[in-house]
């Protein structure tokens, strides 16, 4: 067994910066969890019409309804087997705004075909996105979203482009500063930029067999459809 990220990247995994290789080796096989501690230099939104959608999404820990600068945050990447026995890695981001924390939750599994990662969003996994990983020549990692689906009860439909968002995540390691750099941008093909953030963080690694999965990290509901 190998990490779900190494599987989707294949031979390109070796092109990543060594620090990124370790970070994206977290999984049940390695037995390691990774927790990042850092600061978002900027969290931004698009035009005003975006705000109501972000506010609704925030009730299920999807996206962040606030903007800010120099916002402390943590990111928890913890592997576990979900209810259906699938290896899962949490991507739970907590933004520590003054007065109230905000969370953006995602749980990632390997698609059955092994060619992409499925990203289940929020506390109830009603939204699922295909993620495609690529290693850049400078050793950084780029993650781009593909198809989005909404799933609730018997409903399983593709989210139309007119209301969906295309996400691009760029993560790199800065040797001079000794930290990871991350930049996220979500845009609609018709309405333009919707949401994003950029910042830096340092990572700490833990033996997940000793620390376990803390209460509240896993979603309330898990979706069986992949």
C-alpha atoms as a PDB file:
ATOM      1  CA  UNK A   1       0.000   0.000   0.000  1.00  0.00           C
ATOM      2  CA  UNK A   2       1.152   3.578  -0.661  1.00  0.00           C
ATOM      3  CA  UNK A   3      -0.353   7.009  -0.041  1.00  0.00           C
ATOM      4  CA  UNK A   4      -3.317   7.999  -2.189  1.00  0.00           C
ATOM      5  CA  UNK A   5      -1.348  11.034  -3.409  1.00  0.00           C
ATOM      6  CA  UNK A   6       1.677   9.017  -4.471  1.00  0.00           C
ATOM      7  CA  UNK A   7      -0.667   6.698  -6.349  1.00  0.00           C
ATOM      8  CA  UNK A   8      -2.314   9.444  -8.413  1.00  0.00           C
ATOM      9  CA  UNK A   9       0.993  11.197  -9.158  1.00  0.00           C
ATOM     10  CA  UNK A  10       2.834   8.006 -10.119  1.00  0.00           C
ATOM     11  CA  UNK A  11       6.389   8.640 -11.261  1.00  0.00           C
ATOM     12  CA  UNK A  12       5.854  12.411 -10.964  1.00  0.00           C
ATOM     13  CA  UNK A  13       5.762  12.078  -7.176  1.00  0.00           C
ATOM     14  CA  UNK A  14       9.584  11.948  -7.214  1.00  0.00           C
ATOM     15  CA  UNK A  15       9.660  15.395  -8.850  1.00  0.00           C
ATOM     16  CA  UNK A  16       8.126  17.040  -5.785  1.00  0.00           C
ATOM     17  CA  UNK A  17      10.318  18.855  -3.285  1.00  0.00           C
ATOM     18  CA  UNK A  18      11.397  16.362  -0.560  1.00  0.00           C
ATOM     19  CA  UNK A  19       9.347  18.220   2.050  1.00  0.00           C
ATOM     20  CA  UNK A  20       6.251  17.925  -0.142  1.00  0.00           C
ATOM     21  CA  UNK A  21       6.987  14.256  -0.714  1.00  0.00           C
ATOM     22  CA  UNK A  22       6.925  13.657   3.026  1.00  0.00           C
ATOM     23  CA  UNK A  23       3.836  15.767   3.573  1.00  0.00           C
ATOM     24  CA  UNK A  24       1.890  13.953   0.844  1.00  0.00           C
ATOM     25  CA  UNK A  25       3.056  10.552   2.016  1.00  0.00           C
ATOM     26  CA  UNK A  26       0.692  10.739   4.977  1.00  0.00           C
ATOM     27  CA  UNK A  27      -1.521   7.686   4.994  1.00  0.00           C
ATOM     28  CA  UNK A  28      -2.321   4.421   6.699  1.00  0.00           C
ATOM     29  CA  UNK A  29       0.827   2.857   5.259  1.00  0.00           C
ATOM     30  CA  UNK A  30       3.199   5.534   6.606  1.00  0.00           C
ATOM     31  CA  UNK A  31       1.249   5.793   9.864  1.00  0.00           C
ATOM     32  CA  UNK A  32       1.929   9.525   9.924  1.00  0.00           C
ATOM     33  CA  UNK A  33      -0.414  12.455  10.326  1.00  0.00           C
ATOM     34  CA  UNK A  34       0.642  15.999   9.421  1.00  0.00           C
ATOM     35  CA  UNK A  35      -0.549  19.128  11.196  1.00  0.00           C
ATOM     36  CA  UNK A  36       0.377  22.519   9.788  1.00  0.00           C
ATOM     37  CA  UNK A  37       0.516  25.745  11.804  1.00  0.00           C
ATOM     38  CA  UNK A  38       0.779  29.065  10.031  1.00  0.00           C
ATOM     39  CA  UNK A  39      -0.700  32.367   8.941  1.00  0.00           C
ATOM     40  CA  UNK A  40      -2.864  33.275   5.987  1.00  0.00           C
ATOM     41  CA  UNK A  41      -1.510  36.564   4.739  1.00  0.00           C
ATOM     42  CA  UNK A  42      -4.742  37.125   2.847  1.00  0.00           C
ATOM     43  CA  UNK A  43      -8.207  35.580   2.703  1.00  0.00           C
ATOM     44  CA  UNK A  44     -10.352  37.176   0.019  1.00  0.00           C
ATOM     45  CA  UNK A  45     -13.796  36.994  -1.635  1.00  0.00           C
ATOM     46  CA  UNK A  46     -15.066  37.968  -5.054  1.00  0.00           C
ATOM     47  CA  UNK A  47     -17.942  40.295  -5.761  1.00  0.00           C
ATOM     48  CA  UNK A  48     -20.737  40.925  -3.260  1.00  0.00           C
ATOM     49  CA  UNK A  49     -23.159  38.337  -4.625  1.00  0.00           C
ATOM     50  CA  UNK A  50     -20.758  35.609  -3.435  1.00  0.00           C
ATOM     51  CA  UNK A  51     -21.237  36.356   0.263  1.00  0.00           C
ATOM     52  CA  UNK A  52     -24.679  34.725   0.787  1.00  0.00           C
ATOM     53  CA  UNK A  53     -23.433  31.493  -0.798  1.00  0.00           C
ATOM     54  CA  UNK A  54     -20.350  31.474   1.406  1.00  0.00           C
ATOM     55  CA  UNK A  55     -22.477  32.094   4.486  1.00  0.00           C
ATOM     56  CA  UNK A  56     -24.709  29.122   3.657  1.00  0.00           C
ATOM     57  CA  UNK A  57     -21.702  26.917   2.930  1.00  0.00           C
ATOM     58  CA  UNK A  58     -20.124  27.881   6.241  1.00  0.00           C
ATOM     59  CA  UNK A  59     -22.958  26.179   8.141  1.00  0.00           C
ATOM     60  CA  UNK A  60     -21.559  22.863   6.839  1.00  0.00           C
ATOM     61  CA  UNK A  61     -17.885  23.885   7.053  1.00  0.00           C
ATOM     62  CA  UNK A  62     -17.632  24.542   3.315  1.00  0.00           C
ATOM     63  CA  UNK A  63     -15.695  27.683   2.394  1.00  0.00           C
ATOM     64  CA  UNK A  64     -15.173  30.677   4.674  1.00  0.00           C
ATOM     65  CA  UNK A  65     -17.584  33.649   4.877  1.00  0.00           C
ATOM     66  CA  UNK A  66     -15.009  36.150   6.167  1.00  0.00           C
ATOM     67  CA  UNK A  67     -12.044  38.001   4.734  1.00  0.00           C
ATOM     68  CA  UNK A  68      -8.900  39.032   6.552  1.00  0.00           C
ATOM     69  CA  UNK A  69      -5.172  39.485   6.626  1.00  0.00           C
ATOM     70  CA  UNK A  70      -2.590  37.726   8.764  1.00  0.00           C
ATOM     71  CA  UNK A  71      -5.118  35.192  10.054  1.00  0.00           C
ATOM     72  CA  UNK A  72      -3.608  32.295  12.057  1.00  0.00           C
ATOM     73  CA  UNK A  73      -4.705  28.880  10.849  1.00  0.00           C
ATOM     74  CA  UNK A  74      -4.113  25.162  11.226  1.00  0.00           C
ATOM     75  CA  UNK A  75      -4.489  22.362   8.707  1.00  0.00           C
ATOM     76  CA  UNK A  76      -4.945  18.759   9.840  1.00  0.00           C
ATOM     77  CA  UNK A  77      -4.070  15.923   7.461  1.00  0.00           C
ATOM     78  CA  UNK A  78      -4.927  12.746   9.331  1.00  0.00           C
ATOM     79  CA  UNK A  79      -5.364   9.313   7.682  1.00  0.00           C
ATOM     80  CA  UNK A  80      -8.055   6.856   8.762  1.00  0.00           C
ATOM     81  CA  UNK A  81     -10.349   4.176   7.335  1.00  0.00           C
ATOM     82  CA  UNK A  82     -13.850   5.530   6.827  1.00  0.00           C
ATOM     83  CA  UNK A  83     -17.107   3.714   7.537  1.00  0.00           C
ATOM     84  CA  UNK A  84     -16.828   1.896   4.210  1.00  0.00           C
ATOM     85  CA  UNK A  85     -13.221   0.793   4.759  1.00  0.00           C
ATOM     86  CA  UNK A  86     -11.676   3.318   2.343  1.00  0.00           C
ATOM     87  CA  UNK A  87      -8.386   5.005   3.190  1.00  0.00           C
ATOM     88  CA  UNK A  88      -9.229   8.633   3.851  1.00  0.00           C
ATOM     89  CA  UNK A  89      -7.048  11.668   4.568  1.00  0.00           C
ATOM     90  CA  UNK A  90      -8.592  14.699   6.262  1.00  0.00           C
ATOM     91  CA  UNK A  91      -7.926  18.210   4.988  1.00  0.00           C
ATOM     92  CA  UNK A  92      -9.491  20.215   7.808  1.00  0.00           C
ATOM     93  CA  UNK A  93      -8.515  23.876   7.796  1.00  0.00           C
ATOM     94  CA  UNK A  94      -9.355  26.047  10.811  1.00  0.00           C
ATOM     95  CA  UNK A  95      -9.009  29.807  10.417  1.00  0.00           C
ATOM     96  CA  UNK A  96      -8.661  31.597  13.751  1.00  0.00           C
ATOM     97  CA  UNK A  97     -10.459  34.880  13.127  1.00  0.00           C
ATOM     98  CA  UNK A  98     -10.854  37.314  16.045  1.00  0.00           C
ATOM     99  CA  UNK A  99     -13.848  36.209  18.079  1.00  0.00           C
ATOM    100  CA  UNK A 100     -14.661  33.041  16.160  1.00  0.00           C
ATOM    101  CA  UNK A 101     -12.953  30.187  14.354  1.00  0.00           C
ATOM    102  CA  UNK A 102     -14.110  29.161  10.889  1.00  0.00           C
ATOM    103  CA  UNK A 103     -13.539  25.711   9.354  1.00  0.00           C
ATOM    104  CA  UNK A 104     -13.236  24.430   5.808  1.00  0.00           C
ATOM    105  CA  UNK A 105     -13.489  20.633   5.895  1.00  0.00           C
ATOM    106  CA  UNK A 106     -12.586  18.104   3.240  1.00  0.00           C
ATOM    107  CA  UNK A 107     -11.914  14.368   3.300  1.00  0.00           C
ATOM    108  CA  UNK A 108      -9.981  12.802   0.439  1.00  0.00           C
ATOM    109  CA  UNK A 109     -10.081   9.256  -0.907  1.00  0.00           C
ATOM    110  CA  UNK A 110      -8.627   7.562  -3.978  1.00  0.00           C
ATOM    111  CA  UNK A 111     -11.067   7.234  -6.883  1.00  0.00           C
ATOM    112  CA  UNK A 112     -11.834   3.617  -7.804  1.00  0.00           C
ATOM    113  CA  UNK A 113      -9.930   4.041 -11.081  1.00  0.00           C
ATOM    114  CA  UNK A 114      -6.823   5.238  -9.192  1.00  0.00           C
ATOM    115  CA  UNK A 115      -6.316   8.194 -11.537  1.00  0.00           C
ATOM    116  CA  UNK A 116      -7.616  10.997  -9.336  1.00  0.00           C
ATOM    117  CA  UNK A 117      -8.592  11.906  -5.784  1.00  0.00           C
ATOM    118  CA  UNK A 118     -12.192  12.374  -4.681  1.00  0.00           C
ATOM    119  CA  UNK A 119     -12.626  15.367  -2.386  1.00  0.00           C
ATOM    120  CA  UNK A 120     -15.705  15.164  -0.150  1.00  0.00           C
ATOM    121  CA  UNK A 121     -16.544  18.613   1.194  1.00  0.00           C
ATOM    122  CA  UNK A 122     -18.157  19.658   4.433  1.00  0.00           C
ATOM    123  CA  UNK A 123     -19.603  17.998   7.490  1.00  0.00           C
ATOM    124  CA  UNK A 124     -22.119  15.895   5.536  1.00  0.00           C
ATOM    125  CA  UNK A 125     -20.207  15.230   2.291  1.00  0.00           C
ATOM    126  CA  UNK A 126     -23.033  16.527   0.111  1.00  0.00           C
ATOM    127  CA  UNK A 127     -20.493  17.909  -2.369  1.00  0.00           C
ATOM    128  CA  UNK A 128     -17.792  15.841  -4.074  1.00  0.00           C
ATOM    129  CA  UNK A 129     -15.098  17.070  -6.448  1.00  0.00           C
ATOM    130  CA  UNK A 130     -12.610  15.295  -8.660  1.00  0.00           C
ATOM    131  CA  UNK A 131      -9.059  16.493  -7.977  1.00  0.00           C
ATOM    132  CA  UNK A 132      -6.175  16.168 -10.423  1.00  0.00           C
ATOM    133  CA  UNK A 133      -2.596  16.382  -9.101  1.00  0.00           C
ATOM    134  CA  UNK A 134       0.518  17.508 -11.005  1.00  0.00           C
ATOM    135  CA  UNK A 135       4.143  18.122 -10.064  1.00  0.00           C
ATOM    136  CA  UNK A 136       5.678  21.339 -11.399  1.00  0.00           C
ATOM    137  CA  UNK A 137       9.286  21.665 -12.671  1.00  0.00           C
ATOM    138  CA  UNK A 138      10.237  23.670  -9.546  1.00  0.00           C
ATOM    139  CA  UNK A 139       9.093  20.855  -7.232  1.00  0.00           C
ATOM    140  CA  UNK A 140       5.800  22.439  -6.247  1.00  0.00           C
ATOM    141  CA  UNK A 141       2.418  20.714  -6.373  1.00  0.00           C
ATOM    142  CA  UNK A 142      -0.629  21.912  -8.302  1.00  0.00           C
ATOM    143  CA  UNK A 143      -4.093  20.515  -7.626  1.00  0.00           C
ATOM    144  CA  UNK A 144      -6.965  21.363  -9.976  1.00  0.00           C
ATOM    145  CA  UNK A 145     -10.602  20.473  -9.522  1.00  0.00           C
ATOM    146  CA  UNK A 146     -12.627  18.674 -12.162  1.00  0.00           C
ATOM    147  CA  UNK A 147     -16.260  17.624 -12.055  1.00  0.00           C
ATOM    148  CA  UNK A 148     -18.363  18.516  -9.009  1.00  0.00           C
ATOM    149  CA  UNK A 149     -21.340  16.463  -7.855  1.00  0.00           C
ATOM    150  CA  UNK A 150     -24.144  17.095  -5.353  1.00  0.00           C
ATOM    151  CA  UNK A 151     -25.349  14.021  -3.457  1.00  0.00           C
ATOM    152  CA  UNK A 152     -28.220  13.881  -0.993  1.00  0.00           C
ATOM    153  CA  UNK A 153     -30.410  10.811  -0.488  1.00  0.00           C
ATOM    154  CA  UNK A 154     -31.298   9.446  -3.938  1.00  0.00           C
ATOM    155  CA  UNK A 155     -30.081  12.624  -5.645  1.00  0.00           C
ATOM    156  CA  UNK A 156     -26.734  12.416  -7.478  1.00  0.00           C
ATOM    157  CA  UNK A 157     -26.291  15.210 -10.008  1.00  0.00           C
ATOM    158  CA  UNK A 158     -23.436  17.068 -11.639  1.00  0.00           C
ATOM    159  CA  UNK A 159     -23.115  20.691 -10.483  1.00  0.00           C
ATOM    160  CA  UNK A 160     -23.576  22.906 -13.583  1.00  0.00           C
ATOM    161  CA  UNK A 161     -20.656  25.123 -14.589  1.00  0.00           C
ATOM    162  CA  UNK A 162     -22.831  28.201 -14.265  1.00  0.00           C
ATOM    163  CA  UNK A 163     -22.980  27.795 -10.468  1.00  0.00           C
ATOM    164  CA  UNK A 164     -19.858  25.709  -9.828  1.00  0.00           C
ATOM    165  CA  UNK A 165     -16.346  26.805  -8.999  1.00  0.00           C
ATOM    166  CA  UNK A 166     -13.023  25.693 -10.439  1.00  0.00           C
ATOM    167  CA  UNK A 167     -10.364  25.415  -7.747  1.00  0.00           C
ATOM    168  CA  UNK A 168      -6.604  25.624  -8.149  1.00  0.00           C
ATOM    169  CA  UNK A 169      -4.278  24.902  -5.229  1.00  0.00           C
ATOM    170  CA  UNK A 170      -0.542  25.554  -5.409  1.00  0.00           C
ATOM    171  CA  UNK A 171       1.670  24.295  -2.618  1.00  0.00           C
ATOM    172  CA  UNK A 172       5.443  24.657  -2.462  1.00  0.00           C
ATOM    173  CA  UNK A 173       8.287  24.594   0.025  1.00  0.00           C
ATOM    174  CA  UNK A 174      10.455  27.664   0.629  1.00  0.00           C
ATOM    175  CA  UNK A 175      13.921  26.441   1.627  1.00  0.00           C
ATOM    176  CA  UNK A 176      15.140  29.914   2.598  1.00  0.00           C
ATOM    177  CA  UNK A 177      12.188  30.568   4.931  1.00  0.00           C
ATOM    178  CA  UNK A 178      11.878  26.946   6.074  1.00  0.00           C
ATOM    179  CA  UNK A 179       8.129  26.772   5.504  1.00  0.00           C
ATOM    180  CA  UNK A 180       5.410  25.650   3.132  1.00  0.00           C
ATOM    181  CA  UNK A 181       3.626  28.178   0.944  1.00  0.00           C
ATOM    182  CA  UNK A 182       0.053  27.691  -0.168  1.00  0.00           C
ATOM    183  CA  UNK A 183      -2.188  29.608  -2.547  1.00  0.00           C
ATOM    184  CA  UNK A 184      -5.814  28.696  -3.300  1.00  0.00           C
ATOM    185  CA  UNK A 185      -8.071  30.308  -5.882  1.00  0.00           C
ATOM    186  CA  UNK A 186     -11.670  29.360  -6.675  1.00  0.00           C
ATOM    187  CA  UNK A 187     -13.340  30.939  -9.698  1.00  0.00           C
ATOM    188  CA  UNK A 188     -16.548  30.549 -11.659  1.00  0.00           C
ATOM    189  CA  UNK A 189     -16.166  30.281 -15.431  1.00  0.00           C
ATOM    190  CA  UNK A 190     -18.755  33.012 -15.956  1.00  0.00           C
ATOM    191  CA  UNK A 191     -18.709  35.165 -12.816  1.00  0.00           C
ATOM    192  CA  UNK A 192     -14.953  35.220 -12.230  1.00  0.00           C
ATOM    193  CA  UNK A 193     -13.062  34.931  -8.913  1.00  0.00           C
ATOM    194  CA  UNK A 194     -15.129  33.673  -5.961  1.00  0.00           C
ATOM    195  CA  UNK A 195     -12.836  32.938  -3.033  1.00  0.00           C
ATOM    196  CA  UNK A 196      -9.215  32.297  -2.136  1.00  0.00           C
ATOM    197  CA  UNK A 197      -6.403  32.534   0.322  1.00  0.00           C
ATOM    198  CA  UNK A 198      -2.613  32.494   0.479  1.00  0.00           C
ATOM    199  CA  UNK A 199      -0.219  31.948   3.340  1.00  0.00           C
ATOM    200  CA  UNK A 200       2.621  29.998   4.894  1.00  0.00           C
ATOM    201  CA  UNK A 201       2.866  27.235   7.468  1.00  0.00           C
ATOM    202  CA  UNK A 202       5.227  24.798   9.152  1.00  0.00           C
ATOM    203  CA  UNK A 203       4.405  21.140   9.584  1.00  0.00           C
ATOM    204  CA  UNK A 204       4.598  18.752  12.521  1.00  0.00           C
ATOM    205  CA  UNK A 205       4.321  14.982  12.038  1.00  0.00           C
ATOM    206  CA  UNK A 206       2.689  12.577  14.470  1.00  0.00           C
ATOM    207  CA  UNK A 207       2.263   8.838  14.720  1.00  0.00           C
ATOM    208  CA  UNK A 208      -1.450   8.438  14.013  1.00  0.00           C
ATOM    209  CA  UNK A 209      -1.438   5.039  15.710  1.00  0.00           C
ATOM    210  CA  UNK A 210      -0.607   6.850  18.947  1.00  0.00           C
ATOM    211  CA  UNK A 211      -2.499  10.136  18.577  1.00  0.00           C
ATOM    212  CA  UNK A 212      -5.544   8.661  16.795  1.00  0.00           C
ATOM    213  CA  UNK A 213      -8.230  10.759  15.114  1.00  0.00           C
ATOM    214  CA  UNK A 214      -9.426  13.524  17.393  1.00  0.00           C
ATOM    215  CA  UNK A 215     -13.173  13.938  18.033  1.00  0.00           C
ATOM    216  CA  UNK A 216     -14.835  16.251  15.518  1.00  0.00           C
ATOM    217  CA  UNK A 217     -12.332  15.722  12.719  1.00  0.00           C
ATOM    218  CA  UNK A 218     -14.381  13.173  10.808  1.00  0.00           C
ATOM    219  CA  UNK A 219     -17.588  14.241   9.062  1.00  0.00           C
ATOM    220  CA  UNK A 220     -21.034  13.786  10.562  1.00  0.00           C
ATOM    221  CA  UNK A 221     -22.136  11.790   7.510  1.00  0.00           C
ATOM    222  CA  UNK A 222     -20.030   9.787   5.053  1.00  0.00           C
ATOM    223  CA  UNK A 223     -20.982   9.291   1.409  1.00  0.00           C
ATOM    224  CA  UNK A 224     -20.601   5.811  -0.084  1.00  0.00           C
ATOM    225  CA  UNK A 225     -20.861   6.900  -3.734  1.00  0.00           C
ATOM    226  CA  UNK A 226     -17.515   7.490  -5.438  1.00  0.00           C
END
